[in-house]
Protein backbone atom coordinates (compact mmCIF):
# COMPACT_ATOMS: atom_id res chain seq x y z
CA MET A 1 37.93 -12.88 6.19
CA ASP A 2 36.83 -11.34 2.90
CA ARG A 3 39.77 -9.28 1.56
CA GLU A 4 37.61 -6.46 0.20
CA ILE A 5 35.78 -5.98 3.50
CA LEU A 6 39.05 -6.25 5.46
CA CYS A 7 40.71 -3.57 3.33
CA ARG A 8 37.70 -1.29 3.62
CA VAL A 9 37.64 -1.58 7.44
CA LEU A 10 41.39 -0.96 7.67
CA LYS A 11 41.33 1.99 5.26
CA ASN A 12 38.42 3.57 7.14
CA ALA A 13 40.35 3.21 10.40
CA MET A 14 43.41 4.73 8.73
CA LYS A 15 41.41 7.69 7.49
CA ALA A 16 39.76 8.26 10.88
CA GLN A 17 43.02 7.53 12.79
CA THR A 18 41.27 5.17 15.17
CA ILE A 19 42.81 2.15 16.86
CA VAL A 20 41.92 -1.28 15.53
CA TYR A 21 42.84 -4.73 16.78
CA ILE A 22 43.85 -7.41 14.29
CA TYR A 23 44.14 -11.13 14.86
CA ASN A 24 46.45 -13.12 12.59
CA ASP A 25 47.46 -16.18 14.61
CA SER A 26 44.77 -18.83 14.28
CA THR A 27 46.68 -21.10 16.70
CA SER A 28 46.32 -18.51 19.48
CA LYS A 29 43.01 -16.77 18.96
CA ASP A 30 43.39 -14.50 22.00
CA GLU A 31 46.57 -12.91 20.64
CA ARG A 32 46.05 -9.61 18.88
CA TYR A 33 47.83 -6.46 17.78
CA GLY A 34 46.38 -3.04 18.46
CA GLY A 35 47.30 0.21 16.82
CA PHE A 36 46.78 2.82 14.16
CA VAL A 37 46.74 1.72 10.53
CA GLN A 38 49.46 3.54 8.61
CA LEU A 39 49.21 1.80 5.25
CA VAL A 40 47.09 -0.81 3.49
CA THR A 41 48.28 -2.41 0.26
CA LYS A 42 46.69 -5.27 -1.65
CA ASP A 43 48.75 -7.77 0.39
CA TYR A 44 49.84 -6.07 3.62
CA VAL A 45 48.88 -3.78 6.45
CA VAL A 46 51.37 -1.55 8.27
CA MET A 47 50.37 -0.51 11.77
CA ARG A 48 51.81 1.82 14.37
CA LEU A 49 51.41 -0.48 17.36
CA VAL A 50 50.06 0.79 20.67
CA SER A 51 50.72 -1.18 23.87
CA SER A 52 48.07 -2.11 26.41
CA ALA A 53 49.40 0.85 28.43
CA ALA A 54 48.58 3.14 25.44
CA ARG A 55 52.25 3.74 24.59
CA ALA A 56 53.96 3.73 21.21
CA ALA A 57 55.11 0.15 20.66
CA GLY A 58 56.81 0.14 17.26
CA TYR A 59 55.53 -1.05 13.91
CA LEU A 60 53.88 -4.16 12.53
CA ILE A 61 53.91 -5.28 8.91
CA ALA A 62 51.41 -8.12 8.52
CA ARG A 63 50.12 -10.23 5.65
CA LEU A 64 46.44 -9.55 5.00
CA ASP A 65 45.77 -13.16 4.01
CA MET A 66 46.60 -14.22 7.58
CA VAL A 67 44.22 -11.75 9.28
CA PHE A 68 41.05 -13.58 10.33
CA ARG A 69 39.47 -10.94 12.59
CA VAL A 70 39.46 -7.15 13.04
CA ASP A 71 37.95 -5.32 15.99
CA ASN A 72 37.10 -1.72 15.19
CA GLY A 73 35.85 0.71 17.83
CA GLY A 74 34.80 -0.32 21.30
CA GLN A 75 35.67 1.04 24.72
CA SER A 76 39.14 -0.51 24.88
CA ALA A 77 40.22 1.13 21.62
CA LYS A 78 38.70 4.49 22.53
CA ARG A 79 40.43 4.47 25.90
CA ALA A 80 43.79 3.59 24.30
CA GLU A 81 43.38 6.33 21.68
CA ARG A 82 42.55 8.93 24.31
CA LEU A 83 45.48 7.96 26.56
CA TYR A 84 47.84 7.81 23.58
CA TYR A 85 47.03 11.43 22.72
CA LEU A 86 46.86 12.64 26.36
CA ASN A 87 50.34 11.19 26.97
CA GLN A 88 51.49 12.87 23.75
CA GLU A 89 52.86 9.58 22.48
CA ARG A 90 54.61 9.55 19.10
CA HIS A 91 56.05 6.81 16.94
CA GLU A 92 59.48 7.26 15.43
CA GLU A 93 59.25 7.68 11.68
CA PHE A 94 59.65 4.52 9.64
CA ALA A 95 59.51 4.88 5.89
CA VAL A 96 59.78 1.99 3.45
CA SER A 97 59.16 1.74 -0.26
CA THR A 98 55.89 0.16 -1.29
CA PHE A 99 57.25 -0.57 -4.75
CA GLY A 100 57.68 -4.34 -5.08
CA ASN A 101 57.24 -6.70 -2.14
CA LEU A 102 56.74 -4.78 1.10
CA LEU A 103 58.13 -7.58 3.30
CA VAL A 104 61.32 -7.76 1.23
CA ASN A 105 61.63 -3.97 1.40
CA VAL A 106 61.29 -4.02 5.20
CA LEU A 107 63.84 -6.83 5.50
CA MET A 108 66.27 -4.91 3.28
CA VAL A 109 65.86 -1.70 5.32
CA ALA A 110 66.36 -3.69 8.54
CA MET A 111 69.50 -5.31 7.11
CA ASP A 112 70.96 -2.10 5.66
CA GLN A 113 70.25 0.01 8.74
CA LYS A 114 71.04 -2.78 11.23
CA ILE A 115 67.61 -2.60 12.87
CA ALA A 116 66.65 -5.37 15.30
CA ILE A 117 63.39 -6.99 14.24
CA SER A 118 61.01 -9.72 15.31
CA VAL A 119 59.76 -12.11 12.64
CA PHE A 120 56.74 -14.33 13.27
CA LEU A 121 56.92 -17.49 11.14
CA ASP A 122 54.50 -20.21 10.12
CA GLN A 123 56.51 -23.27 9.22
CA ASP A 124 54.56 -26.48 8.70
CA GLU A 125 51.72 -25.29 10.97
CA GLU A 126 54.17 -24.49 13.80
CA ARG A 127 54.52 -20.87 14.87
CA GLU A 128 57.85 -19.41 15.87
CA SER A 129 59.12 -15.94 16.67
CA LEU A 130 62.69 -14.90 15.89
CA ASN A 131 64.32 -11.78 17.29
CA GLY A 132 67.53 -10.37 15.91
CA TYR A 133 69.16 -9.06 12.78
CA VAL A 134 68.70 -9.81 9.11
CA ARG A 135 72.03 -10.94 7.61
CA HIS A 136 71.07 -11.83 4.02
CA VAL A 137 68.09 -11.59 1.70
CA VAL A 138 68.52 -13.59 -1.50
CA LYS A 139 65.39 -13.84 -3.63
CA GLU A 140 62.90 -15.68 -1.41
CA HIS A 141 65.51 -16.86 1.14
CA ILE A 142 66.26 -14.96 4.34
CA VAL A 143 69.11 -15.49 6.80
CA MET A 144 68.70 -14.02 10.26
CA ASP A 145 70.89 -14.01 13.37
CA ASP A 146 68.46 -15.18 16.07
CA LEU A 147 69.15 -13.73 19.53
CA ASP A 148 67.94 -14.62 23.01
CA ASN A 149 66.75 -11.97 25.51
CA ASP A 150 70.36 -11.27 26.56
CA ALA A 151 71.41 -10.69 22.94
CA GLU A 152 73.33 -13.96 22.80
CA SER A 153 73.16 -15.64 19.41
CA TYR A 154 71.36 -18.91 18.84
CA GLY A 155 73.05 -18.88 15.43
CA GLU A 156 71.83 -18.26 11.92
CA VAL A 157 68.31 -19.22 10.97
CA HIS A 158 67.38 -19.75 7.32
CA PHE A 159 63.76 -19.45 6.22
CA GLU A 160 61.62 -18.66 3.21
CA LEU A 161 59.83 -15.38 2.65
CA ALA A 162 56.49 -17.19 2.28
CA SER A 163 56.69 -18.44 5.89
CA ILE A 164 56.58 -14.89 7.34
CA ILE A 165 53.28 -14.00 9.01
CA ASP A 166 54.40 -10.60 10.26
CA ILE A 167 57.39 -8.44 11.14
CA GLN A 168 57.71 -6.09 14.10
CA LEU A 169 60.27 -3.39 14.69
CA GLY A 170 60.81 -0.42 16.96
CA SER A 171 59.34 -1.95 20.12
CA ARG A 172 60.90 -1.34 23.54
CA ASP A 173 61.97 -5.01 23.74
CA LEU A 174 63.73 -4.83 20.36
CA THR A 175 65.39 -1.52 21.31
CA ASN A 176 66.67 -3.15 24.50
CA LEU A 177 67.88 -6.18 22.54
CA ALA A 178 69.82 -3.87 20.20
CA LEU A 179 71.36 -2.01 23.16
CA LEU A 180 72.54 -5.26 24.73
CA TYR A 181 73.86 -6.55 21.39
CA GLU A 182 75.83 -3.39 20.59
CA GLN A 183 77.44 -2.92 24.00
CA PRO A 184 80.39 -4.87 25.38
CA LYS A 185 79.47 -7.60 27.85
CA TRP A 186 79.67 -6.83 31.56
CA ASP A 187 81.62 -9.28 33.65
């Protein structure tokens, strides 16, 4: 998708505070993210995600060069917007510096504040999602503790910054993962 047009559509949605849907996984063209655009830089979009039930669903930081489609307007978005406001939904504040590389800044905040995140990777045309905690960020190399749904560690995963398609944080699933990880095991 043309970058200039993409940025214009996203910035207009941000100004109007309307929900948009973005598609950034060309291997699964039915998968999309919906939400309010919070920030558009020359390389990234930050969205306040809204679930299909019109609830606050955390944040998404996505690379613009991976976005191949944007849906703006439509009945589904209008319904979600209306229900979001009628339910008085709110996203928790998430502030990150836009100076430098936004993805690195998000990873550093997640590491420093021990925030559970989900990282969607493109490695040699295979897509993979990791959930857990960032342990190290060294230049373009990231080390993450990958966790299963019960907060049990699969071990450390090493990957390059360039393989990140998007990062999510603040979702109900990641909050639950953090709760399980931080609490002693029940026997």
